[in-house]
N, C-alpha and C. Protein backbone atom coordinates (compact mmCIF):
# COMPACT_ATOMS: atom_id res chain seq x y z
N MET A 1 6.01 -9.39 20.80
CA MET A 1 6.33 -9.26 19.30
C MET A 1 7.42 -8.14 19.26
N ASN A 2 8.39 -8.52 18.46
CA ASN A 2 9.68 -7.58 18.35
C ASN A 2 9.18 -6.51 17.35
N LYS A 3 10.10 -5.52 17.41
CA LYS A 3 9.82 -4.29 16.69
C LYS A 3 9.65 -4.51 15.20
N LEU A 4 10.51 -5.36 14.44
CA LEU A 4 10.33 -5.61 13.16
C LEU A 4 9.01 -6.35 12.84
N ALA A 5 8.59 -7.23 13.77
CA ALA A 5 7.32 -7.96 13.45
C ALA A 5 6.13 -6.84 13.61
N LYS A 6 6.16 -5.93 14.46
CA LYS A 6 5.16 -4.87 14.65
C LYS A 6 5.12 -4.06 13.40
N ILE A 7 6.24 -3.71 12.94
CA ILE A 7 6.24 -2.94 11.78
C ILE A 7 5.69 -3.51 10.61
N LYS A 8 6.06 -4.85 10.34
CA LYS A 8 5.54 -5.63 9.28
C LYS A 8 4.00 -5.71 9.37
N GLU A 9 3.59 -5.94 10.68
CA GLU A 9 2.05 -5.98 10.84
C GLU A 9 1.30 -4.65 10.47
N GLN A 10 1.87 -3.51 10.90
CA GLN A 10 1.41 -2.24 10.47
C GLN A 10 1.42 -2.00 9.11
N CYS A 11 2.54 -2.36 8.40
CA CYS A 11 2.62 -2.21 7.06
C CYS A 11 1.53 -3.22 6.18
N LYS A 12 1.41 -4.21 6.70
CA LYS A 12 0.34 -5.22 6.23
C LYS A 12 -1.02 -4.65 6.25
N GLU A 13 -1.35 -3.99 7.41
CA GLU A 13 -2.65 -3.35 7.69
C GLU A 13 -2.85 -2.30 6.60
N SER A 14 -1.80 -1.36 6.44
CA SER A 14 -1.91 -0.39 5.45
C SER A 14 -2.06 -0.76 4.09
N CYS A 15 -1.31 -1.89 3.72
CA CYS A 15 -1.45 -2.40 2.45
C CYS A 15 -2.76 -2.97 2.12
N ILE A 16 -3.49 -3.64 3.15
CA ILE A 16 -4.83 -3.89 2.94
C ILE A 16 -5.82 -2.91 2.66
N LEU A 17 -5.62 -1.76 3.36
CA LEU A 17 -6.49 -0.50 3.06
C LEU A 17 -6.09 0.04 1.81
N LEU A 18 -4.79 -0.06 1.26
CA LEU A 18 -4.39 0.48 -0.07
C LEU A 18 -5.05 -0.34 -1.14
N GLN A 19 -5.25 -1.67 -0.71
CA GLN A 19 -5.93 -2.51 -1.75
C GLN A 19 -7.29 -1.99 -1.93
N GLY A 20 -8.00 -1.59 -0.89
CA GLY A 20 -9.36 -0.96 -1.00
C GLY A 20 -9.38 0.20 -1.98
N LYS A 21 -8.31 1.10 -1.87
CA LYS A 21 -8.26 2.20 -2.80
C LYS A 21 -8.06 1.75 -4.27
N ALA A 22 -7.37 0.66 -4.48
CA ALA A 22 -7.17 -0.04 -5.80
C ALA A 22 -8.71 -0.52 -6.30
N ASN A 23 -9.42 -1.00 -5.39
CA ASN A 23 -10.70 -1.55 -5.73
C ASN A 23 -11.66 -0.38 -6.14
N LYS A 24 -11.46 0.80 -5.59
CA LYS A 24 -12.34 1.96 -5.96
C LYS A 24 -12.01 2.23 -7.38
N ILE A 25 -10.85 2.21 -7.74
CA ILE A 25 -10.29 2.58 -9.26
C ILE A 25 -11.08 1.57 -10.19
N ALA A 26 -11.02 0.28 -9.66
CA ALA A 26 -11.58 -0.85 -10.48
C ALA A 26 -13.12 -0.55 -10.70
N ALA A 27 -13.64 -0.14 -9.56
CA ALA A 27 -15.11 -0.08 -9.44
C ALA A 27 -15.58 1.30 -10.30
N ALA A 28 -14.56 2.17 -10.53
CA ALA A 28 -14.95 3.51 -11.23
C ALA A 28 -14.70 3.32 -12.71
N GLY A 29 -14.61 2.07 -13.17
CA GLY A 29 -14.41 1.82 -14.61
C GLY A 29 -12.95 1.60 -15.20
N LYS A 30 -12.07 1.65 -14.30
CA LYS A 30 -10.65 1.43 -14.59
C LYS A 30 -10.26 0.00 -14.08
N GLU A 31 -11.01 -1.02 -14.52
CA GLU A 31 -10.90 -2.27 -13.89
C GLU A 31 -9.51 -2.89 -14.03
N GLU A 32 -8.96 -2.69 -15.47
CA GLU A 32 -7.53 -3.30 -15.66
C GLU A 32 -6.54 -2.70 -14.82
N GLU A 33 -6.60 -1.26 -14.72
CA GLU A 33 -5.60 -0.64 -13.75
C GLU A 33 -5.71 -0.95 -12.39
N GLY A 34 -7.01 -1.04 -11.88
CA GLY A 34 -7.23 -1.44 -10.55
C GLY A 34 -6.89 -2.81 -10.18
N VAL A 35 -6.93 -3.72 -11.00
CA VAL A 35 -6.49 -5.03 -10.76
C VAL A 35 -4.99 -5.22 -10.76
N GLN A 36 -4.25 -4.54 -11.75
CA GLN A 36 -2.88 -4.47 -11.83
C GLN A 36 -2.30 -3.81 -10.46
N ILE A 37 -2.92 -2.75 -9.94
CA ILE A 37 -2.42 -2.04 -8.79
C ILE A 37 -2.66 -3.00 -7.64
N TYR A 38 -3.80 -3.68 -7.57
CA TYR A 38 -4.14 -4.54 -6.24
C TYR A 38 -3.12 -5.67 -6.35
N ASN A 39 -2.66 -6.18 -7.55
CA ASN A 39 -1.75 -7.33 -7.58
C ASN A 39 -0.43 -6.81 -7.16
N GLN A 40 -0.06 -5.60 -7.59
CA GLN A 40 1.32 -5.09 -7.05
C GLN A 40 1.38 -5.03 -5.54
N ILE A 41 0.22 -4.58 -4.91
CA ILE A 41 0.19 -4.41 -3.38
C ILE A 41 0.22 -5.84 -2.91
N ALA A 42 -0.45 -6.79 -3.46
CA ALA A 42 -0.48 -8.21 -2.96
C ALA A 42 0.98 -8.63 -3.11
N GLN A 43 1.69 -8.39 -4.03
CA GLN A 43 3.12 -8.81 -4.24
C GLN A 43 4.06 -8.24 -3.04
N LEU A 44 3.70 -6.94 -2.77
CA LEU A 44 4.46 -6.25 -1.64
C LEU A 44 4.15 -6.98 -0.26
N MET A 45 2.85 -7.41 -0.15
CA MET A 45 2.61 -8.15 1.07
C MET A 45 3.24 -9.53 1.19
N GLU A 46 3.39 -10.15 0.02
CA GLU A 46 4.21 -11.38 -0.08
C GLU A 46 5.64 -11.24 0.37
N GLU A 47 6.14 -10.15 -0.24
CA GLU A 47 7.66 -9.90 -0.01
C GLU A 47 7.79 -9.48 1.53
N LEU A 48 6.78 -8.86 2.04
CA LEU A 48 6.93 -8.51 3.44
C LEU A 48 7.19 -9.62 4.46
N VAL A 49 6.49 -10.73 4.09
CA VAL A 49 6.58 -11.97 5.07
C VAL A 49 8.05 -12.19 5.36
N MET A 50 9.06 -12.32 4.36
CA MET A 50 10.35 -12.80 4.57
C MET A 50 11.31 -11.59 4.73
N ALA A 51 10.79 -10.32 4.72
CA ALA A 51 11.65 -9.15 4.49
C ALA A 51 12.50 -8.87 5.82
N ASP A 52 13.75 -8.48 5.62
CA ASP A 52 14.55 -7.99 6.59
C ASP A 52 14.20 -6.40 6.82
N LYS A 53 15.11 -5.77 7.64
CA LYS A 53 14.72 -4.40 7.97
C LYS A 53 14.95 -3.42 6.67
N GLN A 54 15.91 -3.77 5.87
CA GLN A 54 16.07 -2.86 4.70
C GLN A 54 14.99 -3.15 3.73
N ALA A 55 14.59 -4.27 3.54
CA ALA A 55 13.48 -4.61 2.52
C ALA A 55 12.14 -4.16 3.04
N VAL A 56 11.93 -4.17 4.34
CA VAL A 56 10.82 -3.40 4.71
C VAL A 56 10.77 -2.07 4.72
N LYS A 57 11.81 -1.42 4.70
CA LYS A 57 11.87 -0.02 4.36
C LYS A 57 11.63 0.33 2.90
N ASN A 58 12.14 -0.61 2.14
CA ASN A 58 11.88 -0.45 0.62
C ASN A 58 10.48 -0.81 0.13
N ILE A 59 9.87 -1.68 0.83
CA ILE A 59 8.46 -2.06 0.59
C ILE A 59 7.57 -0.93 1.04
N ILE A 60 7.85 -0.32 2.23
CA ILE A 60 6.91 0.90 2.69
C ILE A 60 7.22 2.03 1.61
N GLN A 61 8.39 2.21 1.25
CA GLN A 61 8.52 3.33 0.13
C GLN A 61 7.72 3.03 -1.14
N ARG A 62 7.73 1.93 -1.52
CA ARG A 62 7.10 1.50 -2.73
C ARG A 62 5.62 1.67 -2.51
N ALA A 63 4.96 1.01 -1.38
CA ALA A 63 3.60 1.24 -1.09
C ALA A 63 3.12 2.71 -1.07
N ARG A 64 4.07 3.45 -0.48
CA ARG A 64 3.62 4.83 -0.32
C ARG A 64 3.63 5.47 -1.66
N LEU A 65 4.51 5.12 -2.54
CA LEU A 65 4.46 5.62 -4.02
C LEU A 65 3.12 5.24 -4.69
N ILE A 66 2.83 3.91 -4.44
CA ILE A 66 1.44 3.43 -5.12
C ILE A 66 0.29 4.22 -4.43
N GLU A 67 0.25 4.40 -3.24
CA GLU A 67 -0.67 5.27 -2.48
C GLU A 67 -0.76 6.66 -3.09
N LYS A 68 0.35 7.36 -3.14
CA LYS A 68 0.43 8.58 -3.79
C LYS A 68 -0.36 8.62 -5.11
N ASN A 69 0.09 7.77 -6.02
CA ASN A 69 -0.46 7.65 -7.39
C ASN A 69 -1.99 7.51 -7.36
N LEU A 70 -2.40 6.55 -6.55
CA LEU A 70 -3.84 6.31 -6.43
C LEU A 70 -4.71 7.38 -5.87
N ASP A 71 -4.00 8.11 -4.99
CA ASP A 71 -4.74 9.36 -4.41
C ASP A 71 -4.84 10.50 -5.45
N VAL A 72 -3.94 10.61 -6.29
CA VAL A 72 -3.99 11.54 -7.45
C VAL A 72 -5.06 11.00 -8.43
N TRP A 73 -5.22 9.73 -8.64
CA TRP A 73 -6.03 9.42 -9.67
C TRP A 73 -7.56 9.52 -9.09
N ILE A 74 -7.70 9.20 -7.80
CA ILE A 74 -8.91 9.24 -6.98
C ILE A 74 -9.42 10.88 -6.97
N SER A 75 -8.57 11.77 -6.75
CA SER A 75 -8.81 13.09 -6.54
C SER A 75 -9.13 13.76 -7.82
N ARG A 76 -8.61 13.19 -9.01
CA ARG A 76 -9.08 13.67 -10.41
C ARG A 76 -10.49 13.25 -10.53
N ALA A 77 -10.89 12.17 -9.88
CA ALA A 77 -12.31 11.68 -10.18
C ALA A 77 -13.05 12.50 -9.15
N GLY A 78 -12.68 13.52 -8.43
CA GLY A 78 -13.51 14.31 -7.56
C GLY A 78 -13.79 13.75 -6.30
N LYS A 79 -12.97 12.84 -5.77
CA LYS A 79 -13.26 12.25 -4.43
C LYS A 79 -11.93 12.40 -3.57
N GLU A 80 -12.21 12.48 -2.27
CA GLU A 80 -11.22 12.66 -1.38
C GLU A 80 -10.78 11.35 -0.65
N THR A 81 -9.49 11.44 -0.26
CA THR A 81 -9.01 10.24 0.40
C THR A 81 -8.19 10.59 1.68
N LEU A 82 -8.09 9.73 2.52
CA LEU A 82 -7.24 10.01 3.51
C LEU A 82 -5.85 9.23 3.54
N SER A 83 -4.92 9.94 3.99
CA SER A 83 -3.48 9.18 4.11
C SER A 83 -3.57 8.05 5.00
N LEU A 84 -2.97 6.94 4.51
CA LEU A 84 -2.78 5.74 5.34
C LEU A 84 -1.72 5.92 6.35
N PRO A 85 -1.79 5.20 7.43
CA PRO A 85 -0.75 5.26 8.51
C PRO A 85 0.39 4.25 8.19
N TRP A 86 1.42 4.76 7.79
CA TRP A 86 2.68 4.02 7.53
C TRP A 86 3.60 3.93 8.71
N PRO A 87 4.10 2.92 9.14
CA PRO A 87 5.05 2.84 10.33
C PRO A 87 6.27 3.75 10.12
N LYS A 88 6.68 4.30 11.16
CA LYS A 88 7.93 5.00 11.07
C LYS A 88 9.10 4.08 11.48
N ILE A 89 10.21 4.11 10.74
CA ILE A 89 11.32 3.30 10.92
C ILE A 89 12.43 3.97 11.30
N ASN A 90 13.03 3.67 12.55
CA ASN A 90 14.18 4.36 12.97
C ASN A 90 15.35 3.31 13.20
N TRP A 91 15.85 2.75 12.27
CA TRP A 91 16.97 1.97 12.43
C TRP A 91 18.05 2.19 11.34
């Protein structure tokens, strides 16, 4: 597996975990917001399939922003979260 494929796979795994965080928001009574965020993450995963190096970098940045926003919301609800493992890109 080449470097780009490995990074895409790592990103996909983190996006799946991120969707779990979105489900927590939906389960906590913010169903519409949770579904919208879940769908945004699903869109990122679809884009990831055909993404080149620059697009992967952009997808990771967008996913990390979504994660940060979710973590703020979850922490306001009095719960803790762990940071997700995002691949490091050196190209």
